[in-house]
Protein backbone atom coordinates (compact mmCIF):
# COMPACT_ATOMS: atom_id res chain seq x y z
CA UNK A 1 9.29 -8.13 17.00
CA UNK A 2 11.60 -9.44 14.50
CA UNK A 3 11.41 -12.55 12.23
CA UNK A 4 13.83 -15.38 13.21
CA UNK A 5 13.41 -17.85 10.32
CA UNK A 6 11.26 -18.68 7.36
CA UNK A 7 9.14 -20.77 9.27
CA UNK A 8 8.70 -18.31 11.89
CA UNK A 9 7.32 -15.56 9.12
CA UNK A 10 4.76 -18.51 8.20
CA UNK A 11 3.56 -18.79 11.75
CA UNK A 12 3.78 -14.92 12.62
CA UNK A 13 1.78 -13.92 9.46
CA UNK A 14 -0.65 -16.83 9.69
CA UNK A 15 -1.45 -15.58 13.36
CA UNK A 16 -1.90 -12.31 11.86
CA UNK A 17 -4.65 -13.75 9.66
CA UNK A 18 -2.52 -13.89 6.52
CA UNK A 19 -1.88 -17.30 4.84
CA UNK A 20 1.44 -16.95 3.26
CA UNK A 21 3.21 -19.28 0.66
CA UNK A 22 6.87 -20.43 1.38
CA UNK A 23 7.82 -17.93 -1.46
CA UNK A 24 6.11 -15.06 0.20
CA UNK A 25 7.73 -15.99 3.77
CA UNK A 26 11.25 -16.40 2.25
CA UNK A 27 10.98 -12.90 0.56
CA UNK A 28 9.59 -11.29 3.66
CA UNK A 29 12.29 -12.89 5.89
CA UNK A 30 15.11 -11.79 3.38
CA UNK A 31 13.63 -8.36 3.06
CA UNK A 32 13.53 -7.77 6.88
CA UNK A 33 17.25 -9.28 7.29
CA UNK A 34 18.73 -7.04 4.40
CA UNK A 35 16.60 -4.07 4.89
CA UNK A 36 15.63 -4.06 1.21
CA UNK A 37 12.25 -2.86 0.07
CA UNK A 38 9.83 -5.47 -1.63
CA UNK A 39 8.08 -4.77 -4.94
CA UNK A 40 5.01 -7.01 -4.92
CA UNK A 41 3.14 -7.35 -8.27
CA UNK A 42 0.10 -9.29 -9.36
CA UNK A 43 -3.42 -8.73 -10.23
CA UNK A 44 -5.74 -6.60 -8.07
CA UNK A 45 -7.21 -8.25 -4.90
CA UNK A 46 -4.69 -10.99 -4.32
CA UNK A 47 -3.59 -9.71 -0.91
CA UNK A 48 -0.76 -7.36 -1.67
CA UNK A 49 -2.03 -4.67 0.66
CA UNK A 50 -2.89 -7.13 3.40
CA UNK A 51 0.63 -8.42 3.35
CA UNK A 52 1.87 -5.10 4.44
CA UNK A 53 -0.78 -4.92 7.11
CA UNK A 54 -0.08 -8.33 8.54
CA UNK A 55 3.58 -7.69 8.58
CA UNK A 56 2.84 -4.45 10.41
CA UNK A 57 0.70 -6.12 12.73
CA UNK A 58 3.18 -9.02 13.64
CA UNK A 59 6.06 -6.64 14.04
CA UNK A 60 4.09 -4.06 16.13
CA UNK A 61 5.03 -1.16 13.97
CA UNK A 62 2.86 1.51 12.54
CA UNK A 63 1.68 1.28 9.08
CA UNK A 64 2.18 4.46 6.86
CA UNK A 65 0.43 3.85 3.57
CA UNK A 66 1.05 6.25 0.63
CA UNK A 67 -1.61 5.70 -2.48
CA UNK A 68 -0.05 6.58 -5.64
CA UNK A 69 -1.90 7.93 -8.59
CA UNK A 70 -1.07 9.79 -11.92
CA UNK A 71 0.24 13.15 -11.27
CA UNK A 72 1.60 12.42 -7.83
CA UNK A 73 4.75 14.54 -7.26
CA UNK A 74 7.75 14.72 -4.53
CA UNK A 75 5.80 17.77 -2.76
CA UNK A 76 2.57 15.89 -2.30
CA UNK A 77 4.10 12.60 -1.03
CA UNK A 78 7.01 14.43 1.06
CA UNK A 79 5.93 17.59 2.66
CA UNK A 80 4.00 20.94 2.31
CA UNK A 81 4.31 24.31 3.92
CA UNK A 82 1.50 25.26 6.50
CA UNK A 83 1.14 28.66 4.82
CA UNK A 84 -1.74 29.65 6.89
CA UNK A 85 0.30 28.86 10.14
CA UNK A 86 3.10 30.87 8.84
CA UNK A 87 0.64 33.83 8.16
CA UNK A 88 -0.63 33.69 11.58
CA UNK A 89 2.81 33.86 13.03
CA UNK A 90 3.71 36.80 10.93
CA UNK A 91 0.63 38.78 11.94
CA UNK A 92 1.25 37.93 15.69
CA UNK A 93 5.05 39.08 15.44
CA UNK A 94 4.29 42.03 13.39
CA UNK A 95 5.69 44.47 15.77
CA UNK A 96 8.89 42.49 16.20
CA UNK A 97 9.51 42.59 12.53
CA UNK A 98 9.01 46.63 12.52
CA UNK A 99 11.96 46.41 15.06
CA UNK A 100 14.19 44.63 12.82
CA UNK A 101 13.70 46.88 9.78
CA UNK A 102 13.70 50.14 11.65
CA UNK A 103 17.39 50.65 11.80
CA UNK A 104 17.49 50.03 7.82
CA UNK A 105 18.05 53.18 5.58
CA UNK A 106 16.81 51.89 2.37
CA UNK A 107 14.29 49.05 1.07
CA UNK A 108 16.96 46.82 -0.01
CA UNK A 109 18.46 47.03 3.56
CA UNK A 110 15.20 46.23 4.96
CA UNK A 111 14.72 43.27 2.64
CA UNK A 112 18.16 41.96 3.61
CA UNK A 113 17.38 42.09 7.35
CA UNK A 114 14.01 40.09 6.79
CA UNK A 115 15.77 37.62 4.84
CA UNK A 116 18.13 36.95 7.57
CA UNK A 117 15.07 36.04 9.73
CA UNK A 118 13.65 33.61 7.05
CA UNK A 119 14.85 30.45 8.94
CA UNK A 120 12.58 31.10 11.52
CA UNK A 121 9.48 30.88 9.26
CA UNK A 122 11.00 27.95 7.09
CA UNK A 123 11.62 25.50 9.94
CA UNK A 124 10.17 22.18 10.83
CA UNK A 125 7.60 24.09 12.97
CA UNK A 126 5.76 24.83 9.69
CA UNK A 127 6.29 21.70 8.12
CA UNK A 128 3.55 19.18 7.43
CA UNK A 129 4.83 15.72 6.84
CA UNK A 130 3.29 13.58 4.09
CA UNK A 131 3.66 9.96 4.21
CA UNK A 132 7.28 9.41 3.11
CA UNK A 133 8.70 12.02 5.22
CA UNK A 134 6.69 10.76 8.11
CA UNK A 135 8.34 7.33 7.49
CA UNK A 136 11.79 8.35 7.73
CA UNK A 137 11.26 10.73 10.49
CA UNK A 138 9.56 8.42 12.64
CA UNK A 139 11.60 7.40 15.95
CA UNK A 140 10.26 4.07 15.91
CA UNK A 141 10.62 2.04 12.77
CA UNK A 142 7.45 1.77 10.68
CA UNK A 143 6.10 -0.30 7.64
CA UNK A 144 5.84 1.88 4.68
CA UNK A 145 3.24 0.94 2.24
CA UNK A 146 3.72 2.57 -1.24
CA UNK A 147 0.38 1.36 -2.92
CA UNK A 148 -0.27 1.09 -6.49
CA UNK A 149 3.11 2.55 -7.54
CA UNK A 150 2.36 1.68 -11.09
CA UNK A 151 -0.09 4.61 -11.41
CA UNK A 152 2.49 7.19 -10.65
CA UNK A 153 4.55 8.91 -13.22
CA UNK A 154 7.88 7.59 -14.10
CA UNK A 155 9.56 10.76 -12.77
CA UNK A 156 8.16 10.10 -9.31
CA UNK A 157 9.45 6.50 -9.84
CA UNK A 158 12.94 7.83 -10.12
CA UNK A 159 12.48 10.15 -7.14
CA UNK A 160 11.48 7.20 -5.27
CA UNK A 161 14.64 5.13 -6.27
CA UNK A 162 16.72 7.87 -4.84
CA UNK A 163 14.85 7.92 -1.45
CA UNK A 164 15.04 4.14 -1.10
CA UNK A 165 18.49 3.90 -1.89
CA UNK A 166 19.76 6.48 0.68
CA UNK A 167 16.77 6.94 3.06
CA UNK A 168 17.22 10.43 3.14
CA UNK A 169 15.64 13.66 1.49
CA UNK A 170 16.64 17.13 0.79
CA UNK A 171 14.34 20.10 1.34
CA UNK A 172 15.60 23.22 -0.02
CA UNK A 173 14.48 25.42 2.87
CA UNK A 174 16.11 23.41 5.47
CA UNK A 175 18.49 20.97 3.91
CA UNK A 176 19.03 17.07 4.07
CA UNK A 177 16.85 15.03 6.37
CA UNK A 178 18.37 11.57 7.13
CA UNK A 179 16.22 8.52 8.41
CA UNK A 180 16.07 8.32 12.13
CA UNK A 181 15.00 4.54 11.67
CA UNK A 182 14.91 2.41 8.39
CA UNK A 183 11.21 1.33 7.72
CA UNK A 184 10.35 -2.02 6.29
CA UNK A 185 9.11 -0.83 2.77
CA UNK A 186 6.55 -2.61 0.42
CA UNK A 187 5.49 -1.33 -3.06
CA UNK A 188 2.61 -2.71 -4.73
CA UNK A 189 1.75 -2.83 -8.47
CA UNK A 190 -1.18 -4.24 -10.39
CA UNK A 191 0.81 -4.16 -13.65
CA UNK A 192 -0.85 -0.94 -14.76
CA UNK A 193 2.57 -0.29 -16.54
CA UNK A 194 6.07 -1.92 -16.36
CA UNK A 195 8.28 -0.78 -13.51
CA UNK A 196 11.78 0.37 -14.44
CA UNK A 197 14.82 -1.98 -14.41
CA UNK A 198 16.35 0.29 -11.95
CA UNK A 199 13.50 0.00 -9.34
CA UNK A 200 13.37 -3.77 -9.70
CA UNK A 201 17.08 -3.88 -9.06
CA UNK A 202 16.63 -1.96 -5.84
CA UNK A 203 13.99 -4.22 -4.53
CA UNK A 204 13.32 -8.04 -3.66
CA UNK A 205 10.84 -8.74 -6.58
CA UNK A 206 7.56 -10.89 -5.47
CA UNK A 207 4.87 -11.70 -7.75
CA UNK A 208 1.71 -13.06 -6.02
CA UNK A 209 -0.98 -14.77 -8.34
CA UNK A 210 -4.38 -15.93 -7.53
CA UNK A 211 -3.96 -18.85 -4.79
CA UNK A 212 -4.29 -22.48 -5.26
CA UNK A 213 -7.46 -24.08 -4.38
CA UNK A 214 -6.40 -25.37 -0.87
CA UNK A 215 -4.87 -22.23 -0.10
CA UNK A 216 -8.01 -20.06 -0.93
CA UNK A 217 -10.22 -22.71 1.04
CA UNK A 218 -7.68 -21.97 4.16
CA UNK A 219 -8.25 -18.34 3.58
CA UNK A 220 -12.11 -18.62 3.67
CA UNK A 221 -12.01 -20.79 6.45
CA UNK A 222 -10.18 -18.38 8.58
CA UNK A 223 -12.16 -15.39 7.53
CA UNK A 224 -15.33 -16.99 7.77
CA UNK A 225 -15.31 -19.68 10.56
CA UNK A 226 -18.24 -22.22 10.42
CA UNK A 227 -18.74 -22.53 6.65
CA UNK A 228 -19.80 -25.99 5.65
CA UNK A 229 -16.81 -27.86 4.27
CA UNK A 230 -18.76 -29.04 1.07
CA UNK A 231 -20.29 -25.62 0.48
CA UNK A 232 -16.48 -24.32 0.93
CA UNK A 233 -15.04 -26.84 -1.71
CA UNK A 234 -17.69 -26.16 -4.21
CA UNK A 235 -17.57 -22.36 -4.12
CA UNK A 236 -13.74 -22.26 -4.35
CA UNK A 237 -13.65 -24.52 -7.39
CA UNK A 238 -16.34 -22.55 -8.91
CA UNK A 239 -14.32 -19.23 -8.60
CA UNK A 240 -11.37 -21.10 -9.65
CA UNK A 241 -13.10 -22.25 -12.88
CA UNK A 242 -14.41 -18.65 -13.45
CA UNK A 243 -10.80 -17.43 -13.41
CA UNK A 244 -10.10 -19.82 -16.20
CA UNK A 245 -12.55 -17.70 -18.54
CA UNK A 246 -11.68 -14.91 -20.70
CA UNK A 247 -13.02 -12.47 -18.20
CA UNK A 248 -12.19 -8.61 -18.01
CA UNK A 249 -11.62 -8.84 -14.29
CA UNK A 250 -11.39 -12.20 -12.89
CA UNK A 251 -12.75 -12.69 -9.32
CA UNK A 252 -10.42 -11.77 -6.56
CA UNK A 253 -9.97 -13.27 -3.07
CA UNK A 254 -12.18 -10.64 -1.38
CA UNK A 255 -14.84 -11.38 -3.97
CA UNK A 256 -14.68 -15.10 -2.90
CA UNK A 257 -14.97 -13.92 0.59
CA UNK A 258 -18.05 -11.75 -0.53
CA UNK A 259 -19.72 -14.56 -2.41
CA UNK A 260 -19.08 -17.11 0.64
CA UNK A 261 -20.72 -14.70 3.10
CA UNK A 262 -23.65 -14.02 0.57
CA UNK A 263 -24.36 -17.99 0.36
CA UNK A 264 -24.37 -18.02 4.18
CA UNK A 265 -26.48 -15.56 4.58
CA UNK A 266 -28.86 -17.18 1.99
CA UNK A 267 -28.56 -20.39 4.06
CA UNK A 268 -27.23 -22.40 0.97
CA UNK A 269 -25.92 -25.65 1.32
CA UNK A 270 -24.93 -26.35 -2.46
CA UNK A 271 -24.39 -24.30 -5.30
CA UNK A 272 -26.79 -24.47 -8.53
CA UNK A 273 -26.70 -22.84 -11.58
CA UNK A 274 -29.65 -20.56 -10.66
CA UNK A 275 -28.06 -19.88 -7.44
CA UNK A 276 -24.77 -18.72 -9.12
CA UNK A 277 -26.82 -16.70 -11.73
CA UNK A 278 -28.96 -14.80 -9.05
CA UNK A 279 -25.53 -13.93 -6.76
CA UNK A 280 -23.18 -13.45 -9.63
CA UNK A 281 -22.89 -9.84 -9.05
CA UNK A 282 -20.85 -10.44 -5.88
CA UNK A 283 -18.26 -11.84 -8.24
CA UNK A 284 -18.22 -10.08 -11.52
CA UNK A 285 -18.08 -6.34 -11.94
CA UNK A 286 -18.74 -6.01 -15.81
CA UNK A 287 -21.69 -7.08 -17.90
CA UNK A 288 -19.76 -8.68 -20.45
CA UNK A 289 -18.23 -10.99 -17.81
CA UNK A 290 -21.77 -11.60 -16.35
CA UNK A 291 -22.98 -12.63 -19.75
CA UNK A 292 -19.99 -14.97 -20.37
CA UNK A 293 -20.45 -16.65 -17.11
CA UNK A 294 -24.02 -17.13 -17.66
CA UNK A 295 -23.37 -18.84 -20.86
CA UNK A 296 -21.31 -21.37 -19.14
CA UNK A 297 -23.01 -21.97 -16.06
CA UNK A 298 -23.03 -25.67 -16.03
CA UNK A 299 -19.27 -25.62 -16.96
CA UNK A 300 -18.33 -23.28 -14.30
CA UNK A 301 -20.11 -25.08 -11.44
CA UNK A 302 -18.85 -28.63 -12.76
């Protein structure tokens, strides 16, 4: 299913349980229309990965996710050879190999005859595709999520740039493989390091920040139906106040949802300093952050 307009993107993603801003909807619509990748930057936990999942859900496309990390290289992202399978096939056709080299008079001739048959063992039959190769080999268009690309090395980023420009890859033993369909590509970054200007030029850039209070309330309503409005308003504003503190890690949307569920389990109808202090572990992940919030409980809740 394709997006027909910006308004349609908003409706479609909302139906897929994602609340997009007009800016997000505009970028998604333009990316779909121009077949350009989206580079989504922003703090951890603001819904970058969820955006890819919602797009795949609405478009009824498989989601292929590649998690990036330091030391990731082309081979791990593209393909690997199934050496055990190659060895098994070699053992199964051992007699046939003998017949190939029987007519050779010297070792050099035997090696030459075997090398003429190497395509049989370096073919797609023995190729184990990794996420990037799966995405371009798919007959049906997919949504390709390259998650936390900022954690990969600059050399891998350069390789991605080439892949995303032509949507084709070269495998030395086989040759060039061109995409059977163009995937909808999203790259996410938590700003672990700056992305290169070349990659940013290739992509449509989108920065997702923590949501406004009313947007976050709408997200909580959708994810946790039945929450009381007074409690919802108080908890979202409390989280927003906490984000204004100089915390090592600010609470993200998923932590807002975790806290909301916890308050409902505790059957809380309001938020007191004592309640916030006792449930603070649902919101902050560092001791220094917890101590800072406890010093300012009255201010945060007010």
